[in-house]
Amino acid sequence: MQVTKLSSDCAMEHCHEVNKQTDEELQREYDFYMAEKIVKKMLESGLISDVECTRISAENRRIFSPLLAELA
């Protein structure tokens, strides 16, 4: 087994670059989250069906293109 030591400067610099999001991406993530929250409340209140909820969620993923949509 081979072990490679990483300096803290190098590791932190690389990590920051990988996780950096633009303001627009962050806004889309937030907008998606809020839209999904509303859809879930509508479902819980009986205003929409499960099928409608699924369709609306798919449309939200298409519109907002959130980075985390694949996890939702």
PDB file of N, CA and C in Angstrom:
ATOM      1  N   MET A   1       0.847  -1.181   0.000  1.00  0.00           N
ATOM      2  CA  MET A   1       0.000   0.000   0.000  1.00  0.00           C
ATOM      3  C   MET A   1       0.887   1.236   0.000  1.00  0.00           C
ATOM      4  N   GLN A   2       0.515   2.206  -0.825  1.00  0.00           N
ATOM      5  CA  GLN A   2       1.281   3.441  -0.917  1.00  0.00           C
ATOM      6  C   GLN A   2       0.438   4.580  -0.355  1.00  0.00           C
ATOM      7  N   VAL A   3       1.047   5.386   0.490  1.00  0.00           N
ATOM      8  CA  VAL A   3       0.370   6.511   1.114  1.00  0.00           C
ATOM      9  C   VAL A   3       0.999   7.792   0.600  1.00  0.00           C
ATOM     10  N   THR A   4       0.160   8.731   0.188  1.00  0.00           N
ATOM     11  CA  THR A   4       0.642  10.022  -0.294  1.00  0.00           C
ATOM     12  C   THR A   4       0.186  11.100   0.666  1.00  0.00           C
ATOM     13  N   LYS A   5       1.113  11.882   1.135  1.00  0.00           N
ATOM     14  CA  LYS A   5       0.790  12.962   2.055  1.00  0.00           C
ATOM     15  C   LYS A   5       0.418  14.207   1.256  1.00  0.00           C
ATOM     16  N   LEU A   6      -0.697  14.812   1.606  1.00  0.00           N
ATOM     17  CA  LEU A   6      -1.132  16.050   0.976  1.00  0.00           C
ATOM     18  C   LEU A   6      -0.909  17.194   1.941  1.00  0.00           C
ATOM     19  N   SER A   7      -0.400  18.281   1.426  1.00  0.00           N
ATOM     20  CA  SER A   7      -0.250  19.446   2.293  1.00  0.00           C
ATOM     21  C   SER A   7      -1.624  20.072   2.484  1.00  0.00           C
ATOM     22  N   SER A   8      -1.841  20.691   3.607  1.00  0.00           N
ATOM     23  CA  SER A   8      -3.151  21.273   3.901  1.00  0.00           C
ATOM     24  C   SER A   8      -3.508  22.384   2.921  1.00  0.00           C
ATOM     25  N   ASP A   9      -2.528  23.141   2.453  1.00  0.00           N
ATOM     26  CA  ASP A   9      -2.798  24.210   1.491  1.00  0.00           C
ATOM     27  C   ASP A   9      -3.346  23.644   0.192  1.00  0.00           C
ATOM     28  N   CYS A  10      -2.711  22.612  -0.302  1.00  0.00           N
ATOM     29  CA  CYS A  10      -3.119  21.992  -1.560  1.00  0.00           C
ATOM     30  C   CYS A  10      -4.510  21.379  -1.430  1.00  0.00           C
ATOM     31  N   ALA A  11      -4.738  20.653  -0.370  1.00  0.00           N
ATOM     32  CA  ALA A  11      -6.020  19.978  -0.181  1.00  0.00           C
ATOM     33  C   ALA A  11      -7.157  20.984  -0.050  1.00  0.00           C
ATOM     34  N   MET A  12      -6.966  22.019   0.710  1.00  0.00           N
ATOM     35  CA  MET A  12      -8.016  23.014   0.910  1.00  0.00           C
ATOM     36  C   MET A  12      -8.278  23.799  -0.368  1.00  0.00           C
ATOM     37  N   GLU A  13      -7.239  24.108  -1.113  1.00  0.00           N
ATOM     38  CA  GLU A  13      -7.400  24.857  -2.354  1.00  0.00           C
ATOM     39  C   GLU A  13      -8.218  24.044  -3.347  1.00  0.00           C
ATOM     40  N   HIS A  14      -7.900  22.770  -3.487  1.00  0.00           N
ATOM     41  CA  HIS A  14      -8.623  21.904  -4.413  1.00  0.00           C
ATOM     42  C   HIS A  14     -10.078  21.741  -3.975  1.00  0.00           C
ATOM     43  N   CYS A  15     -10.307  21.540  -2.716  1.00  0.00           N
ATOM     44  CA  CYS A  15     -11.654  21.361  -2.176  1.00  0.00           C
ATOM     45  C   CYS A  15     -12.506  22.600  -2.446  1.00  0.00           C
ATOM     46  N   HIS A  16     -11.937  23.767  -2.260  1.00  0.00           N
ATOM     47  CA  HIS A  16     -12.669  25.017  -2.475  1.00  0.00           C
ATOM     48  C   HIS A  16     -13.080  25.158  -3.936  1.00  0.00           C
ATOM     49  N   GLU A  17     -12.194  24.805  -4.855  1.00  0.00           N
ATOM     50  CA  GLU A  17     -12.505  24.925  -6.277  1.00  0.00           C
ATOM     51  C   GLU A  17     -13.614  23.970  -6.691  1.00  0.00           C
ATOM     52  N   VAL A  18     -13.610  22.778  -6.155  1.00  0.00           N
ATOM     53  CA  VAL A  18     -14.599  21.776  -6.521  1.00  0.00           C
ATOM     54  C   VAL A  18     -15.986  22.173  -6.035  1.00  0.00           C
ATOM     55  N   ASN A  19     -16.090  22.731  -4.842  1.00  0.00           N
ATOM     56  CA  ASN A  19     -17.379  23.042  -4.240  1.00  0.00           C
ATOM     57  C   ASN A  19     -17.878  24.450  -4.525  1.00  0.00           C
ATOM     58  N   LYS A  20     -17.152  25.229  -5.277  1.00  0.00           N
ATOM     59  CA  LYS A  20     -17.533  26.615  -5.521  1.00  0.00           C
ATOM     60  C   LYS A  20     -18.741  26.672  -6.460  1.00  0.00           C
ATOM     61  N   GLN A  21     -19.783  27.366  -6.036  1.00  0.00           N
ATOM     62  CA  GLN A  21     -20.976  27.556  -6.845  1.00  0.00           C
ATOM     63  C   GLN A  21     -21.161  29.042  -7.108  1.00  0.00           C
ATOM     64  N   THR A  22     -21.737  29.342  -8.251  1.00  0.00           N
ATOM     65  CA  THR A  22     -22.017  30.733  -8.560  1.00  0.00           C
ATOM     66  C   THR A  22     -23.258  31.169  -7.794  1.00  0.00           C
ATOM     67  N   ASP A  23     -23.449  32.468  -7.702  1.00  0.00           N
ATOM     68  CA  ASP A  23     -24.646  32.999  -7.045  1.00  0.00           C
ATOM     69  C   ASP A  23     -25.902  32.506  -7.758  1.00  0.00           C
ATOM     70  N   GLU A  24     -25.835  32.419  -9.085  1.00  0.00           N
ATOM     71  CA  GLU A  24     -26.982  31.957  -9.864  1.00  0.00           C
ATOM     72  C   GLU A  24     -27.322  30.498  -9.527  1.00  0.00           C
ATOM     73  N   GLU A  25     -26.307  29.651  -9.395  1.00  0.00           N
ATOM     74  CA  GLU A  25     -26.537  28.251  -9.038  1.00  0.00           C
ATOM     75  C   GLU A  25     -27.138  28.131  -7.645  1.00  0.00           C
ATOM     76  N   LEU A  26     -26.627  28.916  -6.719  1.00  0.00           N
ATOM     77  CA  LEU A  26     -27.166  28.902  -5.356  1.00  0.00           C
ATOM     78  C   LEU A  26     -28.614  29.375  -5.332  1.00  0.00           C
ATOM     79  N   GLN A  27     -28.928  30.397  -6.133  1.00  0.00           N
ATOM     80  CA  GLN A  27     -30.297  30.901  -6.197  1.00  0.00           C
ATOM     81  C   GLN A  27     -31.228  29.840  -6.772  1.00  0.00           C
ATOM     82  N   ARG A  28     -30.771  29.132  -7.816  1.00  0.00           N
ATOM     83  CA  ARG A  28     -31.586  28.062  -8.407  1.00  0.00           C
ATOM     84  C   ARG A  28     -31.842  26.948  -7.394  1.00  0.00           C
ATOM     85  N   GLU A  29     -30.830  26.604  -6.618  1.00  0.00           N
ATOM     86  CA  GLU A  29     -30.993  25.575  -5.585  1.00  0.00           C
ATOM     87  C   GLU A  29     -32.049  26.011  -4.569  1.00  0.00           C
ATOM     88  N   TYR A  30     -31.960  27.269  -4.144  1.00  0.00           N
ATOM     89  CA  TYR A  30     -32.910  27.797  -3.162  1.00  0.00           C
ATOM     90  C   TYR A  30     -34.327  27.830  -3.747  1.00  0.00           C
ATOM     91  N   ASP A  31     -34.450  28.330  -4.970  1.00  0.00           N
ATOM     92  CA  ASP A  31     -35.760  28.409  -5.614  1.00  0.00           C
ATOM     93  C   ASP A  31     -36.377  27.019  -5.768  1.00  0.00           C
ATOM     94  N   PHE A  32     -35.552  26.046  -6.151  1.00  0.00           N
ATOM     95  CA  PHE A  32     -36.029  24.670  -6.284  1.00  0.00           C
ATOM     96  C   PHE A  32     -36.520  24.147  -4.934  1.00  0.00           C
ATOM     97  N   TYR A  33     -35.725  24.375  -3.906  1.00  0.00           N
ATOM     98  CA  TYR A  33     -36.090  23.919  -2.560  1.00  0.00           C
ATOM     99  C   TYR A  33     -37.427  24.524  -2.125  1.00  0.00           C
ATOM    100  N   MET A  34     -37.597  25.819  -2.332  1.00  0.00           N
ATOM    101  CA  MET A  34     -38.830  26.488  -1.919  1.00  0.00           C
ATOM    102  C   MET A  34     -40.027  25.990  -2.734  1.00  0.00           C
ATOM    103  N   ALA A  35     -39.835  25.804  -4.040  1.00  0.00           N
ATOM    104  CA  ALA A  35     -40.919  25.301  -4.885  1.00  0.00           C
ATOM    105  C   ALA A  35     -41.339  23.904  -4.438  1.00  0.00           C
ATOM    106  N   GLU A  36     -40.370  23.062  -4.127  1.00  0.00           N
ATOM    107  CA  GLU A  36     -40.673  21.707  -3.675  1.00  0.00           C
ATOM    108  C   GLU A  36     -41.379  21.720  -2.319  1.00  0.00           C
ATOM    109  N   LYS A  37     -41.003  22.643  -1.476  1.00  0.00           N
ATOM    110  CA  LYS A  37     -41.646  22.769  -0.167  1.00  0.00           C
ATOM    111  C   LYS A  37     -43.130  23.113  -0.340  1.00  0.00           C
ATOM    112  N   ILE A  38     -43.423  24.011  -1.264  1.00  0.00           N
ATOM    113  CA  ILE A  38     -44.811  24.398  -1.544  1.00  0.00           C
ATOM    114  C   ILE A  38     -45.588  23.210  -2.108  1.00  0.00           C
ATOM    115  N   VAL A  39     -44.971  22.485  -3.041  1.00  0.00           N
ATOM    116  CA  VAL A  39     -45.628  21.327  -3.652  1.00  0.00           C
ATOM    117  C   VAL A  39     -45.961  20.275  -2.593  1.00  0.00           C
ATOM    118  N   LYS A  40     -45.035  20.023  -1.687  1.00  0.00           N
ATOM    119  CA  LYS A  40     -45.268  19.030  -0.628  1.00  0.00           C
ATOM    120  C   LYS A  40     -46.415  19.469   0.288  1.00  0.00           C
ATOM    121  N   LYS A  41     -46.482  20.756   0.594  1.00  0.00           N
ATOM    122  CA  LYS A  41     -47.577  21.265   1.439  1.00  0.00           C
ATOM    123  C   LYS A  41     -48.924  21.132   0.712  1.00  0.00           C
ATOM    124  N   MET A  42     -48.913  21.395  -0.600  1.00  0.00           N
ATOM    125  CA  MET A  42     -50.134  21.242  -1.387  1.00  0.00           C
ATOM    126  C   MET A  42     -50.591  19.783  -1.391  1.00  0.00           C
ATOM    127  N   LEU A  43     -49.634  18.859  -1.493  1.00  0.00           N
ATOM    128  CA  LEU A  43     -49.955  17.431  -1.465  1.00  0.00           C
ATOM    129  C   LEU A  43     -50.528  17.040  -0.106  1.00  0.00           C
ATOM    130  N   GLU A  44     -49.886  17.489   0.950  1.00  0.00           N
ATOM    131  CA  GLU A  44     -50.345  17.176   2.309  1.00  0.00           C
ATOM    132  C   GLU A  44     -51.734  17.748   2.589  1.00  0.00           C
ATOM    133  N   SER A  45     -52.048  18.890   1.974  1.00  0.00           N
ATOM    134  CA  SER A  45     -53.350  19.536   2.177  1.00  0.00           C
ATOM    135  C   SER A  45     -54.432  18.950   1.279  1.00  0.00           C
ATOM    136  N   GLY A  46     -54.052  18.058   0.383  1.00  0.00           N
ATOM    137  CA  GLY A  46     -55.020  17.445  -0.515  1.00  0.00           C
ATOM    138  C   GLY A  46     -55.368  18.293  -1.721  1.00  0.00           C
ATOM    139  N   LEU A  47     -54.598  19.340  -1.961  1.00  0.00           N
ATOM    140  CA  LEU A  47     -54.874  20.212  -3.105  1.00  0.00           C
ATOM    141  C   LEU A  47     -54.425  19.601  -4.428  1.00  0.00           C
ATOM    142  N   ILE A  48     -53.436  18.693  -4.371  1.00  0.00           N
ATOM    143  CA  ILE A  48     -52.965  18.000  -5.567  1.00  0.00           C
ATOM    144  C   ILE A  48     -52.814  16.513  -5.241  1.00  0.00           C
ATOM    145  N   SER A  49     -52.838  15.697  -6.293  1.00  0.00           N
ATOM    146  CA  SER A  49     -52.688  14.250  -6.122  1.00  0.00           C
ATOM    147  C   SER A  49     -51.209  13.863  -6.172  1.00  0.00           C
ATOM    148  N   ASP A  50     -50.931  12.591  -5.871  1.00  0.00           N
ATOM    149  CA  ASP A  50     -49.556  12.090  -5.963  1.00  0.00           C
ATOM    150  C   ASP A  50     -49.017  12.224  -7.385  1.00  0.00           C
ATOM    151  N   VAL A  51     -49.865  11.933  -8.355  1.00  0.00           N
ATOM    152  CA  VAL A  51     -49.452  12.025  -9.761  1.00  0.00           C
ATOM    153  C   VAL A  51     -49.104  13.467 -10.111  1.00  0.00           C
ATOM    154  N   GLU A  52     -49.949  14.401  -9.696  1.00  0.00           N
ATOM    155  CA  GLU A  52     -49.675  15.816  -9.958  1.00  0.00           C
ATOM    156  C   GLU A  52     -48.398  16.263  -9.259  1.00  0.00           C
ATOM    157  N   CYS A  53     -48.194  15.798  -8.041  1.00  0.00           N
ATOM    158  CA  CYS A  53     -46.986  16.143  -7.285  1.00  0.00           C
ATOM    159  C   CYS A  53     -45.740  15.676  -8.031  1.00  0.00           C
ATOM    160  N   THR A  54     -45.780  14.456  -8.532  1.00  0.00           N
ATOM    161  CA  THR A  54     -44.647  13.905  -9.282  1.00  0.00           C
ATOM    162  C   THR A  54     -44.380  14.718 -10.543  1.00  0.00           C
ATOM    163  N   ARG A  55     -45.435  15.072 -11.250  1.00  0.00           N
ATOM    164  CA  ARG A  55     -45.282  15.858 -12.488  1.00  0.00           C
ATOM    165  C   ARG A  55     -44.732  17.259 -12.200  1.00  0.00           C
ATOM    166  N   ILE A  56     -45.251  17.889 -11.158  1.00  0.00           N
ATOM    167  CA  ILE A  56     -44.782  19.232 -10.801  1.00  0.00           C
ATOM    168  C   ILE A  56     -43.323  19.182 -10.367  1.00  0.00           C
ATOM    169  N   SER A  57     -42.952  18.175  -9.599  1.00  0.00           N
ATOM    170  CA  SER A  57     -41.559  18.040  -9.157  1.00  0.00           C
ATOM    171  C   SER A  57     -40.623  17.848 -10.345  1.00  0.00           C
ATOM    172  N   ALA A  58     -41.059  17.052 -11.319  1.00  0.00           N
ATOM    173  CA  ALA A  58     -40.248  16.857 -12.529  1.00  0.00           C
ATOM    174  C   ALA A  58     -40.091  18.175 -13.285  1.00  0.00           C
ATOM    175  N   GLU A  59     -41.161  18.931 -13.357  1.00  0.00           N
ATOM    176  CA  GLU A  59     -41.105  20.234 -14.036  1.00  0.00           C
ATOM    177  C   GLU A  59     -40.204  21.204 -13.272  1.00  0.00           C
ATOM    178  N   ASN A  60     -40.263  21.163 -11.946  1.00  0.00           N
ATOM    179  CA  ASN A  60     -39.374  22.013 -11.140  1.00  0.00           C
ATOM    180  C   ASN A  60     -37.912  21.672 -11.396  1.00  0.00           C
ATOM    181  N   ARG A  61     -37.605  20.374 -11.489  1.00  0.00           N
ATOM    182  CA  ARG A  61     -36.222  19.972 -11.783  1.00  0.00           C
ATOM    183  C   ARG A  61     -35.792  20.473 -13.154  1.00  0.00           C
ATOM    184  N   ARG A  62     -36.725  20.446 -14.115  1.00  0.00           N
ATOM    185  CA  ARG A  62     -36.398  20.918 -15.464  1.00  0.00           C
ATOM    186  C   ARG A  62     -36.176  22.435 -15.467  1.00  0.00           C
ATOM    187  N   ILE A  63     -37.037  23.160 -14.801  1.00  0.00           N
ATOM    188  CA  ILE A  63     -36.973  24.626 -14.801  1.00  0.00           C
ATOM    189  C   ILE A  63     -35.771  25.143 -14.017  1.00  0.00           C
ATOM    190  N   PHE A  64     -35.583  24.653 -12.815  1.00  0.00           N
ATOM    191  CA  PHE A  64     -34.547  25.199 -11.937  1.00  0.00           C
ATOM    192  C   PHE A  64     -33.180  24.556 -12.149  1.00  0.00           C
ATOM    193  N   SER A  65     -33.138  23.377 -12.750  1.00  0.00           N
ATOM    194  CA  SER A  65     -31.882  22.645 -12.994  1.00  0.00           C
ATOM    195  C   SER A  65     -30.963  22.650 -11.775  1.00  0.00           C
ATOM    196  N   PRO A  66     -31.481  22.255 -10.623  1.00  0.00           N
ATOM    197  CA  PRO A  66     -30.629  22.268  -9.433  1.00  0.00           C
ATOM    198  C   PRO A  66     -29.579  21.164  -9.491  1.00  0.00           C
ATOM    199  N   LEU A  67     -28.441  21.422  -8.882  1.00  0.00           N
ATOM    200  CA  LEU A  67     -27.370  20.435  -8.860  1.00  0.00           C
ATOM    201  C   LEU A  67     -27.762  19.215  -8.048  1.00  0.00           C
ATOM    202  N   LEU A  68     -28.602  19.395  -7.048  1.00  0.00           N
ATOM    203  CA  LEU A  68     -28.984  18.301  -6.165  1.00  0.00           C
ATOM    204  C   LEU A  68     -30.276  17.604  -6.589  1.00  0.00           C
ATOM    205  N   ALA A  69     -30.816  17.955  -7.747  1.00  0.00           N
ATOM    206  CA  ALA A  69     -32.086  17.368  -8.180  1.00  0.00           C
ATOM    207  C   ALA A  69     -32.003  15.863  -8.334  1.00  0.00           C
ATOM    208  N   GLU A  70     -30.842  15.355  -8.706  1.00  0.00           N
ATOM    209  CA  GLU A  70     -30.694  13.916  -8.886  1.00  0.00           C
ATOM    210  C   GLU A  70     -30.893  13.175  -7.574  1.00  0.00           C
ATOM    211  N   LEU A  71     -30.654  13.847  -6.455  1.00  0.00           N
ATOM    212  CA  LEU A  71     -30.820  13.221  -5.149  1.00  0.00           C
ATOM    213  C   LEU A  71     -32.254  13.277  -4.667  1.00  0.00           C
ATOM    214  N   ALA A  72     -33.023  14.196  -5.222  1.00  0.00           N
ATOM    215  CA  ALA A  72     -34.403  14.391  -4.765  1.00  0.00           C
ATOM    216  C   ALA A  72     -35.338  13.356  -5.344  1.00  0.00           C
TER     217      ALA A  72
END
